[in-house]
Amino acid sequence: MTISFDVMQICPWNLGKRKFGSGAIYRVSCMCGSPKCDATILFDLEDGIFRMHMYKNLSWDSHWGYDHWWQKAWARIKASTKILFTGWIELEDDVTIDPRAIPDIIKMYQEADVYLKDYEANWDKEHVKNDNTEPVGQ
């Protein structure tokens, strides 16, 4: 279901239909128009825990800010060494959102809120005994 051009639901809400967790996936497009800049937001409900994951393609230009070839090569060596010995590197990037898309993003979060409340209500009915003292199955 497409909320608007800027916010599109990629995977619909499927509460209780998957073996592991339930949720939905949305794509929020960047104002620049390139799909490389889009952000993907995953709402996940599993075992009564709600998680929101945000994914974004990141890139790093080792040539930015350097004039000489040896400076560019040294920047690459430093980054490669950090990844080699620590296993990670920090990168930052942004998504430029058209101000007209803000109501659509709010609608996306409101839709998630509706499904979350429904999921919580069903979770309580299925997993808690009538006396509310002990979860079922223990």
C-alpha atoms as a PDB file:
ATOM      1  CA  MET A   1       0.000   0.000   0.000  1.00  0.00           C
ATOM      2  CA  THR A   2       1.399   3.355  -0.974  1.00  0.00           C
ATOM      3  CA  ILE A   3       0.780   6.133   1.528  1.00  0.00           C
ATOM      4  CA  SER A   4       2.232   8.714  -0.861  1.00  0.00           C
ATOM      5  CA  PHE A   5       5.028   9.081  -3.374  1.00  0.00           C
ATOM      6  CA  ASP A   6       7.469   9.779  -0.531  1.00  0.00           C
ATOM      7  CA  VAL A   7       6.371   6.991   1.849  1.00  0.00           C
ATOM      8  CA  MET A   8       5.573   3.545   0.483  1.00  0.00           C
ATOM      9  CA  GLN A   9       4.722   0.343   2.305  1.00  0.00           C
ATOM     10  CA  ILE A  10       6.944  -2.396   0.850  1.00  0.00           C
ATOM     11  CA  CYS A  11       5.761  -5.299   2.996  1.00  0.00           C
ATOM     12  CA  PRO A  12       2.271  -5.207   4.571  1.00  0.00           C
ATOM     13  CA  TRP A  13       1.476  -5.806   8.215  1.00  0.00           C
ATOM     14  CA  ASN A  14       1.187  -9.539   8.842  1.00  0.00           C
ATOM     15  CA  LEU A  15       0.489  -9.894  12.534  1.00  0.00           C
ATOM     16  CA  GLY A  16       0.692 -13.497  13.648  1.00  0.00           C
ATOM     17  CA  LYS A  17       1.170 -14.859  10.131  1.00  0.00           C
ATOM     18  CA  ARG A  18       4.940 -15.353  10.233  1.00  0.00           C
ATOM     19  CA  LYS A  19       6.739 -17.957  12.272  1.00  0.00           C
ATOM     20  CA  PHE A  20       9.159 -15.433  13.766  1.00  0.00           C
ATOM     21  CA  GLY A  21       7.715 -12.019  14.550  1.00  0.00           C
ATOM     22  CA  SER A  22       5.356  -9.776  12.676  1.00  0.00           C
ATOM     23  CA  GLY A  23       5.586  -6.336  11.238  1.00  0.00           C
ATOM     24  CA  ALA A  24       5.807  -4.164   8.153  1.00  0.00           C
ATOM     25  CA  ILE A  25       8.451  -2.488   6.016  1.00  0.00           C
ATOM     26  CA  TYR A  26       8.270   1.059   4.648  1.00  0.00           C
ATOM     27  CA  ARG A  27      10.472   3.002   2.250  1.00  0.00           C
ATOM     28  CA  VAL A  28      10.950   6.736   2.805  1.00  0.00           C
ATOM     29  CA  SER A  29      12.325   8.413  -0.307  1.00  0.00           C
ATOM     30  CA  CYS A  30      14.981  11.094  -0.251  1.00  0.00           C
ATOM     31  CA  MET A  31      14.182  14.492  -1.722  1.00  0.00           C
ATOM     32  CA  CYS A  32      17.125  14.213  -4.128  1.00  0.00           C
ATOM     33  CA  GLY A  33      15.213  11.527  -6.053  1.00  0.00           C
ATOM     34  CA  SER A  34      17.949   8.884  -6.024  1.00  0.00           C
ATOM     35  CA  PRO A  35      16.874   5.465  -4.719  1.00  0.00           C
ATOM     36  CA  LYS A  36      20.394   5.081  -3.287  1.00  0.00           C
ATOM     37  CA  CYS A  37      19.511   7.720  -0.693  1.00  0.00           C
ATOM     38  CA  ASP A  38      16.199   6.184   0.450  1.00  0.00           C
ATOM     39  CA  ALA A  39      15.743   4.932   3.997  1.00  0.00           C
ATOM     40  CA  THR A  40      14.019   1.663   4.847  1.00  0.00           C
ATOM     41  CA  ILE A  41      12.083   1.448   8.107  1.00  0.00           C
ATOM     42  CA  LEU A  42      11.159  -1.944   9.533  1.00  0.00           C
ATOM     43  CA  PHE A  43       8.595  -2.253  12.305  1.00  0.00           C
ATOM     44  CA  ASP A  44       8.972  -5.622  14.018  1.00  0.00           C
ATOM     45  CA  LEU A  45       6.799  -7.196  16.715  1.00  0.00           C
ATOM     46  CA  GLU A  46       8.156 -10.368  18.264  1.00  0.00           C
ATOM     47  CA  ASP A  47       7.298 -11.980  21.601  1.00  0.00           C
ATOM     48  CA  GLY A  48       5.591  -8.820  22.799  1.00  0.00           C
ATOM     49  CA  ILE A  49       8.602  -6.613  22.024  1.00  0.00           C
ATOM     50  CA  PHE A  50       8.305  -3.780  19.493  1.00  0.00           C
ATOM     51  CA  ARG A  51      11.393  -2.817  17.502  1.00  0.00           C
ATOM     52  CA  MET A  52      11.929  -0.174  14.862  1.00  0.00           C
ATOM     53  CA  HIS A  53      14.928  -0.681  12.566  1.00  0.00           C
ATOM     54  CA  MET A  54      16.123   2.009  10.177  1.00  0.00           C
ATOM     55  CA  TYR A  55      18.352   1.008   7.266  1.00  0.00           C
ATOM     56  CA  LYS A  56      20.241   3.337   4.969  1.00  0.00           C
ATOM     57  CA  ASN A  57      22.911   2.747   2.338  1.00  0.00           C
ATOM     58  CA  LEU A  58      26.110   4.441   3.425  1.00  0.00           C
ATOM     59  CA  SER A  59      29.168   5.306   1.414  1.00  0.00           C
ATOM     60  CA  TRP A  60      32.458   6.978   2.134  1.00  0.00           C
ATOM     61  CA  ASP A  61      34.509   9.003  -0.307  1.00  0.00           C
ATOM     62  CA  SER A  62      38.160   8.639   0.657  1.00  0.00           C
ATOM     63  CA  HIS A  63      39.068  11.357  -1.859  1.00  0.00           C
ATOM     64  CA  TRP A  64      36.989  14.087  -0.225  1.00  0.00           C
ATOM     65  CA  GLY A  65      39.086  16.815   1.359  1.00  0.00           C
ATOM     66  CA  TYR A  66      42.445  15.537   0.085  1.00  0.00           C
ATOM     67  CA  ASP A  67      44.486  17.037  -2.736  1.00  0.00           C
ATOM     68  CA  HIS A  68      47.389  14.654  -3.140  1.00  0.00           C
ATOM     69  CA  TRP A  69      47.307  10.968  -4.114  1.00  0.00           C
ATOM     70  CA  TRP A  70      49.310   9.957  -1.039  1.00  0.00           C
ATOM     71  CA  GLN A  71      46.783  11.631   1.303  1.00  0.00           C
ATOM     72  CA  LYS A  72      43.955   9.727  -0.396  1.00  0.00           C
ATOM     73  CA  ALA A  73      45.882   6.457  -0.182  1.00  0.00           C
ATOM     74  CA  TRP A  74      46.689   7.059   3.516  1.00  0.00           C
ATOM     75  CA  ALA A  75      42.997   7.708   4.273  1.00  0.00           C
ATOM     76  CA  ARG A  76      42.097   4.373   2.651  1.00  0.00           C
ATOM     77  CA  ILE A  77      44.832   2.536   4.563  1.00  0.00           C
ATOM     78  CA  LYS A  78      43.647   4.026   7.884  1.00  0.00           C
ATOM     79  CA  ALA A  79      40.025   3.020   7.230  1.00  0.00           C
ATOM     80  CA  SER A  80      41.003  -0.468   6.061  1.00  0.00           C
ATOM     81  CA  THR A  81      43.219  -0.978   9.104  1.00  0.00           C
ATOM     82  CA  LYS A  82      40.426   0.074  11.442  1.00  0.00           C
ATOM     83  CA  ILE A  83      38.003  -2.391   9.841  1.00  0.00           C
ATOM     84  CA  LEU A  84      40.648  -5.130   9.879  1.00  0.00           C
ATOM     85  CA  PHE A  85      41.516  -4.789  13.568  1.00  0.00           C
ATOM     86  CA  THR A  86      38.230  -3.597  15.113  1.00  0.00           C
ATOM     87  CA  GLY A  87      35.685  -5.133  12.726  1.00  0.00           C
ATOM     88  CA  TRP A  88      33.722  -1.938  12.212  1.00  0.00           C
ATOM     89  CA  ILE A  89      33.862   1.654  11.015  1.00  0.00           C
ATOM     90  CA  GLU A  90      31.536   4.550  11.747  1.00  0.00           C
ATOM     91  CA  LEU A  91      29.806   6.224   8.828  1.00  0.00           C
ATOM     92  CA  GLU A  92      27.104   8.868   8.740  1.00  0.00           C
ATOM     93  CA  ASP A  93      24.628   9.808   6.075  1.00  0.00           C
ATOM     94  CA  ASP A  94      21.325  11.616   5.891  1.00  0.00           C
ATOM     95  CA  VAL A  95      17.971  11.462   4.182  1.00  0.00           C
ATOM     96  CA  THR A  96      16.637  14.797   2.982  1.00  0.00           C
ATOM     97  CA  ILE A  97      12.870  14.646   3.340  1.00  0.00           C
ATOM     98  CA  ASP A  98      10.524  16.922   1.465  1.00  0.00           C
ATOM     99  CA  PRO A  99       8.556  18.941   4.052  1.00  0.00           C
ATOM    100  CA  ARG A 100       5.346  17.961   2.234  1.00  0.00           C
ATOM    101  CA  ALA A 101       6.096  14.311   3.149  1.00  0.00           C
ATOM    102  CA  ILE A 102       6.000  14.920   6.910  1.00  0.00           C
ATOM    103  CA  PRO A 103       2.213  14.262   7.185  1.00  0.00           C
ATOM    104  CA  ASP A 104       2.764  10.982   5.308  1.00  0.00           C
ATOM    105  CA  ILE A 105       5.530   9.943   7.694  1.00  0.00           C
ATOM    106  CA  ILE A 106       3.254  10.781  10.630  1.00  0.00           C
ATOM    107  CA  LYS A 107       0.555   8.626   9.002  1.00  0.00           C
ATOM    108  CA  MET A 108       3.067   5.753   8.757  1.00  0.00           C
ATOM    109  CA  TYR A 109       3.813   5.974  12.492  1.00  0.00           C
ATOM    110  CA  GLN A 110       0.094   6.234  13.323  1.00  0.00           C
ATOM    111  CA  GLU A 111      -0.558   3.095  11.262  1.00  0.00           C
ATOM    112  CA  ALA A 112       2.196   1.319  13.197  1.00  0.00           C
ATOM    113  CA  ASP A 113       0.610   2.505  16.462  1.00  0.00           C
ATOM    114  CA  VAL A 114      -2.782   1.019  15.500  1.00  0.00           C
ATOM    115  CA  TYR A 115      -1.236  -2.357  14.673  1.00  0.00           C
ATOM    116  CA  LEU A 116       0.904  -2.280  17.801  1.00  0.00           C
ATOM    117  CA  LYS A 117      -2.128  -1.726  20.037  1.00  0.00           C
ATOM    118  CA  ASP A 118      -4.007  -4.552  18.294  1.00  0.00           C
ATOM    119  CA  TYR A 119      -0.990  -6.845  18.666  1.00  0.00           C
ATOM    120  CA  GLU A 120      -0.652  -6.011  22.383  1.00  0.00           C
ATOM    121  CA  ALA A 121      -4.329  -6.758  22.972  1.00  0.00           C
ATOM    122  CA  ASN A 122      -4.071 -10.126  21.226  1.00  0.00           C
ATOM    123  CA  TRP A 123      -0.767 -10.907  22.968  1.00  0.00           C
ATOM    124  CA  ASP A 124      -2.346 -10.406  26.376  1.00  0.00           C
ATOM    125  CA  LYS A 125      -5.290 -12.650  25.485  1.00  0.00           C
ATOM    126  CA  GLU A 126      -3.092 -15.464  24.166  1.00  0.00           C
ATOM    127  CA  HIS A 127      -0.168 -15.442  26.587  1.00  0.00           C
ATOM    128  CA  VAL A 128      -1.434 -14.449  30.020  1.00  0.00           C
ATOM    129  CA  LYS A 129      -3.640 -16.536  32.307  1.00  0.00           C
ATOM    130  CA  ASN A 130      -6.873 -15.164  33.667  1.00  0.00           C
ATOM    131  CA  ASP A 131      -5.344 -14.408  37.061  1.00  0.00           C
ATOM    132  CA  ASN A 132      -2.527 -12.374  35.415  1.00  0.00           C
ATOM    133  CA  THR A 133       0.112 -13.890  37.659  1.00  0.00           C
ATOM    134  CA  GLU A 134       1.978 -16.296  35.408  1.00  0.00           C
ATOM    135  CA  PRO A 135       2.496 -16.553  31.634  1.00  0.00           C
ATOM    136  CA  VAL A 136       0.977 -19.574  29.912  1.00  0.00           C
ATOM    137  CA  GLY A 137       3.398 -22.415  29.297  1.00  0.00           C
ATOM    138  CA  GLN A 138       5.334 -22.209  32.555  1.00  0.00           C
END
